[in-house]
């Protein structure tokens, strides 16, 4: 028998949060500075997304050294109406 809308149970997983991650990648003595916005429930989830980003970006490299400079939860809600009329694409 098919479940109705009322029968569906929702899991109590935390919603994904937005994180800012600043990190430095060193390849053969050359530094590359990055600032990324990643999604995750907690630090572990963000680290997994960062690893996936690094694999995509530096897939051809044999060795990279990564230093995470900061990993912070974004808690600021921006009111888009404050920018109305200030920017035209």
N, C-alpha and C. Protein backbone atom coordinates (compact mmCIF):
# COMPACT_ATOMS: atom_id res chain seq x y z
N UNK A 1 0.84 -1.17 0.00
CA UNK A 1 0.00 0.00 0.00
C UNK A 1 0.89 1.24 0.00
N UNK A 2 0.58 2.22 -0.80
CA UNK A 2 1.37 3.44 -0.91
C UNK A 2 1.17 4.32 0.32
N UNK A 3 2.23 4.98 0.72
CA UNK A 3 2.15 5.87 1.87
C UNK A 3 1.53 7.20 1.45
N UNK A 4 0.73 7.77 2.34
CA UNK A 4 0.20 9.10 2.09
C UNK A 4 1.16 10.12 2.66
N UNK A 5 0.90 11.40 2.39
CA UNK A 5 1.76 12.48 2.87
C UNK A 5 1.90 12.44 4.40
N UNK A 6 0.82 12.11 5.08
CA UNK A 6 0.83 12.08 6.54
C UNK A 6 1.63 10.90 7.08
N UNK A 7 1.78 9.84 6.26
CA UNK A 7 2.48 8.64 6.71
C UNK A 7 3.99 8.74 6.58
N UNK A 8 4.46 9.68 5.81
CA UNK A 8 5.90 9.80 5.58
C UNK A 8 6.57 10.30 6.85
N UNK A 9 7.60 9.59 7.29
CA UNK A 9 8.35 10.03 8.46
C UNK A 9 9.57 10.80 8.00
N UNK A 10 9.82 11.90 8.63
CA UNK A 10 10.95 12.76 8.27
C UNK A 10 12.07 12.50 9.25
N UNK A 11 13.26 12.36 8.71
CA UNK A 11 14.43 12.17 9.57
C UNK A 11 14.80 13.49 10.23
N UNK A 12 15.37 13.40 11.41
CA UNK A 12 15.73 14.59 12.17
C UNK A 12 17.16 15.04 11.89
N UNK A 13 17.63 14.88 10.67
CA UNK A 13 18.98 15.33 10.31
C UNK A 13 19.03 16.85 10.35
N UNK A 14 20.17 17.36 10.77
CA UNK A 14 20.36 18.80 10.76
C UNK A 14 20.47 19.28 9.32
N UNK A 15 19.93 20.44 9.02
CA UNK A 15 20.08 20.96 7.65
C UNK A 15 21.53 21.33 7.38
N UNK A 16 21.92 21.29 6.12
CA UNK A 16 23.28 21.67 5.76
C UNK A 16 23.50 23.15 6.03
N UNK A 17 24.68 23.47 6.51
CA UNK A 17 25.03 24.85 6.83
C UNK A 17 26.12 25.31 5.87
N UNK A 18 26.20 26.60 5.70
CA UNK A 18 27.21 27.19 4.81
C UNK A 18 28.45 27.55 5.63
N UNK A 19 29.61 27.16 5.11
CA UNK A 19 30.88 27.39 5.78
C UNK A 19 31.83 28.11 4.84
N UNK A 20 32.64 29.00 5.38
CA UNK A 20 33.71 29.62 4.61
C UNK A 20 35.00 28.91 5.02
N UNK A 21 35.75 28.47 4.00
CA UNK A 21 37.00 27.75 4.25
C UNK A 21 38.10 28.47 3.48
N UNK A 22 39.11 28.91 4.22
CA UNK A 22 40.29 29.55 3.62
C UNK A 22 41.44 28.59 3.80
N UNK A 23 42.11 28.28 2.69
CA UNK A 23 43.21 27.32 2.77
C UNK A 23 44.29 27.65 1.75
N UNK A 24 45.47 27.10 2.00
CA UNK A 24 46.62 27.32 1.12
C UNK A 24 47.10 25.96 0.64
N UNK A 25 47.33 25.86 -0.66
CA UNK A 25 47.85 24.64 -1.27
C UNK A 25 49.26 24.94 -1.77
N UNK A 26 50.20 24.08 -1.40
CA UNK A 26 51.59 24.22 -1.85
C UNK A 26 51.92 23.06 -2.77
N UNK A 27 52.34 23.41 -3.98
CA UNK A 27 52.73 22.41 -4.97
C UNK A 27 54.12 22.78 -5.46
N UNK A 28 55.08 21.93 -5.19
CA UNK A 28 56.47 22.13 -5.61
C UNK A 28 56.98 23.52 -5.22
N UNK A 29 56.68 23.94 -3.99
CA UNK A 29 57.15 25.21 -3.48
C UNK A 29 56.35 26.43 -3.88
N UNK A 30 55.32 26.26 -4.70
CA UNK A 30 54.49 27.38 -5.14
C UNK A 30 53.17 27.35 -4.34
N UNK A 31 52.84 28.50 -3.69
CA UNK A 31 51.62 28.59 -2.89
C UNK A 31 50.45 29.07 -3.72
N UNK A 32 49.27 28.46 -3.47
CA UNK A 32 48.02 28.87 -4.09
C UNK A 32 47.03 29.11 -2.95
N UNK A 33 46.51 30.33 -2.85
CA UNK A 33 45.61 30.71 -1.77
C UNK A 33 44.17 30.57 -2.26
N UNK A 34 43.31 29.91 -1.48
CA UNK A 34 41.92 29.66 -1.86
C UNK A 34 40.97 30.14 -0.77
N UNK A 35 39.79 30.57 -1.20
CA UNK A 35 38.69 30.89 -0.31
C UNK A 35 37.45 30.27 -0.92
N UNK A 36 36.83 29.32 -0.21
CA UNK A 36 35.70 28.58 -0.76
C UNK A 36 34.51 28.62 0.19
N UNK A 37 33.33 28.57 -0.39
CA UNK A 37 32.10 28.42 0.37
C UNK A 37 31.66 26.97 0.18
N UNK A 38 31.57 26.23 1.28
CA UNK A 38 31.21 24.82 1.23
C UNK A 38 30.02 24.56 2.15
N UNK A 39 29.33 23.45 1.89
CA UNK A 39 28.16 23.07 2.68
C UNK A 39 28.47 21.84 3.51
N UNK A 40 27.92 21.78 4.71
CA UNK A 40 28.08 20.60 5.55
C UNK A 40 27.35 20.76 6.86
N UNK A 41 27.05 19.64 7.50
CA UNK A 41 26.38 19.67 8.79
C UNK A 41 27.34 20.08 9.91
N UNK A 42 28.60 19.63 9.78
CA UNK A 42 29.60 19.90 10.80
C UNK A 42 30.97 19.92 10.15
N UNK A 43 32.03 20.03 10.98
CA UNK A 43 33.39 20.09 10.46
C UNK A 43 33.73 18.88 9.59
N UNK A 44 33.29 17.70 10.00
CA UNK A 44 33.60 16.49 9.24
C UNK A 44 33.00 16.54 7.85
N UNK A 45 31.77 16.98 7.74
CA UNK A 45 31.12 17.09 6.43
C UNK A 45 31.81 18.11 5.54
N UNK A 46 32.22 19.23 6.13
CA UNK A 46 32.91 20.27 5.36
C UNK A 46 34.27 19.76 4.89
N UNK A 47 34.97 19.01 5.74
CA UNK A 47 36.25 18.44 5.35
C UNK A 47 36.10 17.48 4.18
N UNK A 48 35.02 16.71 4.15
CA UNK A 48 34.77 15.80 3.03
C UNK A 48 34.53 16.57 1.74
N UNK A 49 33.78 17.68 1.83
CA UNK A 49 33.54 18.50 0.64
C UNK A 49 34.83 19.19 0.19
N UNK A 50 35.66 19.59 1.15
CA UNK A 50 36.95 20.20 0.80
C UNK A 50 37.84 19.19 0.09
N UNK A 51 37.87 17.96 0.59
CA UNK A 51 38.67 16.92 -0.06
C UNK A 51 38.19 16.68 -1.49
N UNK A 52 36.88 16.65 -1.69
CA UNK A 52 36.34 16.47 -3.05
C UNK A 52 36.74 17.64 -3.95
N UNK A 53 36.72 18.87 -3.41
CA UNK A 53 37.14 20.04 -4.19
C UNK A 53 38.61 19.95 -4.57
N UNK A 54 39.43 19.53 -3.62
CA UNK A 54 40.87 19.40 -3.90
C UNK A 54 41.13 18.33 -4.94
N UNK A 55 40.41 17.23 -4.88
CA UNK A 55 40.59 16.16 -5.87
C UNK A 55 40.20 16.63 -7.27
N UNK A 56 39.13 17.43 -7.36
CA UNK A 56 38.71 17.97 -8.66
C UNK A 56 39.72 18.97 -9.20
N UNK A 57 40.17 19.88 -8.32
CA UNK A 57 41.03 20.98 -8.74
C UNK A 57 42.45 20.51 -9.07
N UNK A 58 42.99 19.60 -8.27
CA UNK A 58 44.38 19.20 -8.41
C UNK A 58 44.50 17.71 -8.75
N UNK A 59 43.65 17.22 -9.62
CA UNK A 59 43.64 15.79 -9.94
C UNK A 59 44.92 15.33 -10.64
N UNK A 60 45.60 16.22 -11.34
CA UNK A 60 46.79 15.83 -12.08
C UNK A 60 48.08 15.88 -11.28
N UNK A 61 48.00 16.36 -10.05
CA UNK A 61 49.21 16.52 -9.24
C UNK A 61 49.50 15.25 -8.45
N UNK A 62 50.79 14.96 -8.32
CA UNK A 62 51.20 13.77 -7.56
C UNK A 62 51.11 14.03 -6.05
N UNK A 63 51.53 15.22 -5.62
CA UNK A 63 51.53 15.55 -4.20
C UNK A 63 51.15 17.01 -4.02
N UNK A 64 50.27 17.26 -3.05
CA UNK A 64 49.95 18.64 -2.66
C UNK A 64 49.97 18.71 -1.14
N UNK A 65 50.38 19.85 -0.62
CA UNK A 65 50.34 20.11 0.81
C UNK A 65 49.26 21.16 1.06
N UNK A 66 48.32 20.85 1.95
CA UNK A 66 47.18 21.73 2.22
C UNK A 66 47.25 22.21 3.66
N UNK A 67 47.11 23.52 3.83
CA UNK A 67 47.02 24.13 5.16
C UNK A 67 45.70 24.87 5.24
N UNK A 68 44.82 24.43 6.13
CA UNK A 68 43.55 25.13 6.34
C UNK A 68 43.81 26.29 7.29
N UNK A 69 43.54 27.50 6.81
CA UNK A 69 43.79 28.70 7.60
C UNK A 69 42.60 29.04 8.49
N UNK A 70 41.40 28.84 7.96
CA UNK A 70 40.20 29.03 8.78
C UNK A 70 39.03 28.26 8.19
N UNK A 71 38.14 27.84 9.07
CA UNK A 71 36.93 27.14 8.68
C UNK A 71 35.84 27.64 9.63
N UNK A 72 34.98 28.52 9.12
CA UNK A 72 33.99 29.17 9.98
C UNK A 72 32.59 29.00 9.43
N UNK A 73 31.65 28.84 10.32
CA UNK A 73 30.25 28.77 9.96
C UNK A 73 29.76 30.16 9.59
N UNK A 74 29.05 30.27 8.47
CA UNK A 74 28.49 31.55 8.05
C UNK A 74 27.15 31.71 8.75
N UNK A 75 27.04 32.73 9.58
CA UNK A 75 25.81 32.94 10.34
C UNK A 75 25.09 34.22 9.97
N UNK A 76 25.62 34.98 9.06
CA UNK A 76 25.04 36.26 8.70
C UNK A 76 23.99 36.08 7.62
N UNK A 77 22.81 36.61 7.86
CA UNK A 77 21.75 36.62 6.86
C UNK A 77 21.76 38.00 6.20
N UNK A 78 21.91 38.02 4.89
CA UNK A 78 21.96 39.29 4.16
C UNK A 78 20.57 39.60 3.63
N UNK A 79 20.12 40.83 3.85
CA UNK A 79 18.84 41.28 3.33
C UNK A 79 19.07 41.83 1.93
N UNK A 80 18.58 41.11 0.93
CA UNK A 80 18.81 41.49 -0.47
C UNK A 80 18.19 42.84 -0.80
N UNK A 81 17.16 43.24 -0.06
CA UNK A 81 16.51 44.53 -0.35
C UNK A 81 17.43 45.71 -0.09
N UNK A 82 18.45 45.54 0.77
CA UNK A 82 19.39 46.62 1.02
C UNK A 82 20.19 46.95 -0.23
N UNK A 83 20.29 46.00 -1.17
CA UNK A 83 21.09 46.21 -2.38
C UNK A 83 20.22 46.55 -3.58
N UNK A 84 18.93 46.66 -3.40
CA UNK A 84 18.00 46.95 -4.50
C UNK A 84 18.36 48.28 -5.15
N UNK A 85 18.59 48.26 -6.44
CA UNK A 85 18.88 49.48 -7.18
C UNK A 85 20.34 49.89 -7.15
N UNK A 86 21.17 49.24 -6.33
CA UNK A 86 22.58 49.61 -6.22
C UNK A 86 23.45 48.91 -7.26
N UNK A 87 22.95 47.82 -7.79
CA UNK A 87 23.77 47.02 -8.72
C UNK A 87 22.91 46.59 -9.88
N UNK A 88 23.41 46.81 -11.07
CA UNK A 88 22.71 46.37 -12.26
C UNK A 88 23.66 45.51 -13.08
N UNK A 89 23.28 44.27 -13.33
CA UNK A 89 24.20 43.39 -14.09
C UNK A 89 24.34 43.82 -15.53
